[in-house]
């Protein structure tokens, strides 16, 4: 990316907390940091200009950002610097979101059934297809109880209680796209 004077007014698609810092990602590989709860933002340079669509942190320092062109970025300093973990040659893949579970797994989800898990901080990734088709997976939610909730096209809402080994589909009265979910507690969810 390049430092842009109006980056804080550009299209931003996701934000995550890294301790007390907020980290936002978006168009043109923009990554913005706020250390004052969003009152002001500063841009950092990252090794891509691809649209970044998702960001998540495992703890207050270590996080991942994903996006178009198969981009997977990692930071170990709360977003101040980033390096690429993807090989840089998968221009057809579109990652839409990333999540980290409490056991250290990193999960990237995307268009056309793209789903990958890393259990070694992103050094290696293995893929699967939780829904068995090529539906777009729009968001992965990791609940405080450690459940994974996968939201996607055609009313797709999947839940895993075993770190993604098996998935159960929720029966919903809606068959359109679901773009996210929120665990409300006591087994209740908002999608």
Protein backbone atom coordinates (compact mmCIF):
# COMPACT_ATOMS: atom_id res chain seq x y z
CA UNK A 1 0.00 0.00 0.00
CA UNK A 2 0.96 3.62 -0.17
CA UNK A 3 0.46 6.28 2.46
CA UNK A 4 -2.56 8.32 1.34
CA UNK A 5 -3.65 11.63 2.89
CA UNK A 6 -7.35 10.62 2.95
CA UNK A 7 -6.94 6.95 3.87
CA UNK A 8 -9.10 7.44 6.97
CA UNK A 9 -11.96 8.44 4.66
CA UNK A 10 -11.57 5.52 2.28
CA UNK A 11 -13.69 2.37 2.15
CA UNK A 12 -12.96 0.39 5.32
CA UNK A 13 -14.51 -3.06 5.64
CA UNK A 14 -13.56 -4.44 9.06
CA UNK A 15 -12.15 -3.38 12.41
CA UNK A 16 -10.77 -5.39 15.32
CA UNK A 17 -9.33 -4.65 18.74
CA UNK A 18 -5.67 -5.36 19.45
CA UNK A 19 -5.67 -4.70 23.17
CA UNK A 20 -6.68 -1.05 23.47
CA UNK A 21 -5.74 -0.32 19.83
CA UNK A 22 -8.26 -0.48 16.98
CA UNK A 23 -7.09 -1.83 13.62
CA UNK A 24 -9.21 -1.18 10.51
CA UNK A 25 -8.69 -2.62 7.01
CA UNK A 26 -10.10 -1.82 3.61
CA UNK A 27 -9.69 -0.76 0.00
CA UNK A 28 -6.26 -0.46 -1.65
CA UNK A 29 -4.62 -2.41 1.17
CA UNK A 30 -5.32 0.33 3.67
CA UNK A 31 -4.62 -0.52 7.30
CA UNK A 32 -5.42 2.18 9.85
CA UNK A 33 -4.61 2.25 13.56
CA UNK A 34 -6.28 4.18 16.35
CA UNK A 35 -4.90 4.43 19.87
CA UNK A 36 -7.68 6.76 21.08
CA UNK A 37 -10.81 4.62 20.55
CA UNK A 38 -11.34 5.89 16.98
CA UNK A 39 -11.04 9.65 17.56
CA UNK A 40 -8.04 9.73 15.20
CA UNK A 41 -6.46 7.27 12.79
CA UNK A 42 -3.03 6.78 11.21
CA UNK A 43 -2.23 4.64 8.21
CA UNK A 44 0.56 2.04 8.11
CA UNK A 45 2.16 0.63 4.96
CA UNK A 46 1.48 -3.04 4.21
CA UNK A 47 2.87 -5.32 1.46
CA UNK A 48 -0.24 -5.29 -0.76
CA UNK A 49 -2.63 -2.96 -2.57
CA UNK A 50 -5.37 -5.60 -2.69
CA UNK A 51 -8.66 -4.88 -0.95
CA UNK A 52 -8.51 -6.14 2.63
CA UNK A 53 -11.85 -7.49 3.86
CA UNK A 54 -11.26 -8.99 7.30
CA UNK A 55 -9.03 -8.58 10.35
CA UNK A 56 -8.83 -10.48 13.66
CA UNK A 57 -6.49 -10.68 16.62
CA UNK A 58 -5.62 -13.74 18.73
CA UNK A 59 -4.27 -11.48 21.47
CA UNK A 60 -3.26 -7.84 21.89
CA UNK A 61 -0.28 -8.17 19.51
CA UNK A 62 -0.77 -11.06 17.06
CA UNK A 63 -3.32 -10.72 14.28
CA UNK A 64 -4.23 -11.49 10.68
CA UNK A 65 -5.82 -9.59 7.81
CA UNK A 66 -7.21 -11.19 4.64
CA UNK A 67 -8.54 -9.97 1.33
CA UNK A 68 -8.70 -10.16 -2.42
CA UNK A 69 -5.99 -11.79 -4.57
CA UNK A 70 -5.54 -14.50 -1.91
CA UNK A 71 -3.83 -12.08 0.48
CA UNK A 72 -3.17 -13.23 4.05
CA UNK A 73 -1.17 -10.82 6.24
CA UNK A 74 0.19 -11.33 9.77
CA UNK A 75 1.30 -8.84 12.42
CA UNK A 76 3.09 -9.45 15.69
CA UNK A 77 3.09 -5.86 16.93
CA UNK A 78 -0.60 -4.87 17.11
CA UNK A 79 -0.74 -3.83 13.47
CA UNK A 80 2.30 -1.55 13.26
CA UNK A 81 4.00 -3.82 10.69
CA UNK A 82 2.66 -6.61 8.48
CA UNK A 83 4.13 -9.44 6.40
CA UNK A 84 2.50 -11.70 3.83
CA UNK A 85 1.83 -15.33 4.65
CA UNK A 86 0.29 -16.25 1.30
CA UNK A 87 2.55 -17.19 -1.65
CA UNK A 88 1.42 -14.15 -3.64
CA UNK A 89 0.35 -16.05 -6.75
CA UNK A 90 -3.32 -16.88 -6.04
CA UNK A 91 -5.03 -13.94 -7.73
CA UNK A 92 -8.32 -15.88 -8.08
CA UNK A 93 -8.99 -16.32 -4.35
CA UNK A 94 -11.06 -13.82 -2.42
CA UNK A 95 -10.88 -14.12 1.34
CA UNK A 96 -13.80 -12.34 3.02
CA UNK A 97 -13.09 -12.81 6.73
CA UNK A 98 -10.67 -14.23 9.25
CA UNK A 99 -11.10 -15.39 12.84
CA UNK A 100 -8.96 -16.77 15.65
CA UNK A 101 -10.22 -19.33 18.14
CA UNK A 102 -9.11 -19.63 21.74
CA UNK A 103 -7.01 -22.72 20.99
CA UNK A 104 -4.78 -20.82 18.58
CA UNK A 105 -6.35 -21.76 15.25
CA UNK A 106 -6.65 -19.11 12.54
CA UNK A 107 -9.58 -19.56 10.13
CA UNK A 108 -9.89 -17.76 6.79
CA UNK A 109 -13.18 -17.90 4.83
CA UNK A 110 -14.12 -16.58 1.43
CA UNK A 111 -15.87 -16.66 -1.89
CA UNK A 112 -16.82 -19.90 -3.66
CA UNK A 113 -16.43 -22.09 -0.59
CA UNK A 114 -12.89 -21.00 0.32
CA UNK A 115 -12.16 -22.19 3.86
CA UNK A 116 -8.71 -22.70 5.38
CA UNK A 117 -7.45 -23.37 8.90
CA UNK A 118 -3.98 -22.91 10.34
CA UNK A 119 -3.03 -24.43 13.66
CA UNK A 120 0.57 -23.11 13.60
CA UNK A 121 0.05 -19.32 13.49
CA UNK A 122 -0.37 -19.28 9.72
CA UNK A 123 2.79 -21.10 8.68
CA UNK A 124 0.71 -23.83 7.02
CA UNK A 125 -2.95 -23.91 5.99
CA UNK A 126 -5.33 -26.77 5.26
CA UNK A 127 -8.60 -26.39 3.40
CA UNK A 128 -12.03 -27.94 3.67
CA UNK A 129 -15.63 -27.23 2.65
CA UNK A 130 -17.92 -27.14 5.69
CA UNK A 131 -21.10 -26.81 3.61
CA UNK A 132 -20.06 -29.24 0.86
CA UNK A 133 -20.70 -26.70 -1.91
CA UNK A 134 -19.20 -23.49 -3.26
CA UNK A 135 -21.34 -21.02 -1.34
CA UNK A 136 -19.67 -17.76 -0.40
CA UNK A 137 -18.64 -17.83 3.25
CA UNK A 138 -19.09 -14.21 4.31
CA UNK A 139 -18.07 -14.28 7.97
CA UNK A 140 -16.57 -16.57 10.59
CA UNK A 141 -17.55 -15.72 14.18
CA UNK A 142 -15.70 -17.18 17.14
CA UNK A 143 -17.89 -17.00 20.27
CA UNK A 144 -16.59 -16.54 23.81
CA UNK A 145 -17.56 -20.19 24.41
CA UNK A 146 -15.27 -21.29 21.56
CA UNK A 147 -18.02 -22.10 19.06
CA UNK A 148 -17.53 -21.24 15.40
CA UNK A 149 -20.42 -19.71 13.46
CA UNK A 150 -20.10 -19.56 9.66
CA UNK A 151 -22.45 -17.19 7.78
CA UNK A 152 -22.91 -17.26 4.02
CA UNK A 153 -25.08 -17.34 0.94
CA UNK A 154 -28.44 -19.08 0.53
CA UNK A 155 -29.33 -18.76 4.21
CA UNK A 156 -26.18 -20.61 5.23
CA UNK A 157 -25.54 -20.56 8.96
CA UNK A 158 -23.29 -23.34 10.25
CA UNK A 159 -22.14 -23.98 13.83
CA UNK A 160 -19.20 -26.02 15.06
CA UNK A 161 -18.59 -26.89 18.69
CA UNK A 162 -15.44 -28.93 17.96
CA UNK A 163 -13.12 -26.32 16.40
CA UNK A 164 -14.40 -26.94 12.88
CA UNK A 165 -14.10 -30.74 12.78
CA UNK A 166 -17.88 -31.07 12.25
CA UNK A 167 -20.58 -28.55 11.36
CA UNK A 168 -24.34 -28.40 11.96
CA UNK A 169 -26.56 -26.32 9.69
CA UNK A 170 -29.17 -24.11 11.33
CA UNK A 171 -32.65 -24.26 9.83
CA UNK A 172 -33.64 -20.68 9.06
CA UNK A 173 -36.80 -19.12 7.60
CA UNK A 174 -34.61 -17.15 5.17
CA UNK A 175 -32.65 -18.28 2.12
CA UNK A 176 -30.82 -15.07 1.19
CA UNK A 177 -27.25 -14.09 2.02
CA UNK A 178 -26.20 -13.78 5.64
CA UNK A 179 -23.27 -11.43 6.13
CA UNK A 180 -22.54 -12.05 9.78
CA UNK A 181 -23.64 -13.29 13.15
CA UNK A 182 -23.36 -12.28 16.77
CA UNK A 183 -23.56 -14.57 19.79
CA UNK A 184 -25.95 -13.03 22.30
CA UNK A 185 -25.42 -15.64 25.03
CA UNK A 186 -27.43 -18.58 26.32
CA UNK A 187 -27.44 -20.20 22.88
CA UNK A 188 -29.07 -17.21 21.16
CA UNK A 189 -27.61 -15.66 18.01
CA UNK A 190 -28.35 -12.69 15.79
CA UNK A 191 -27.71 -13.15 12.04
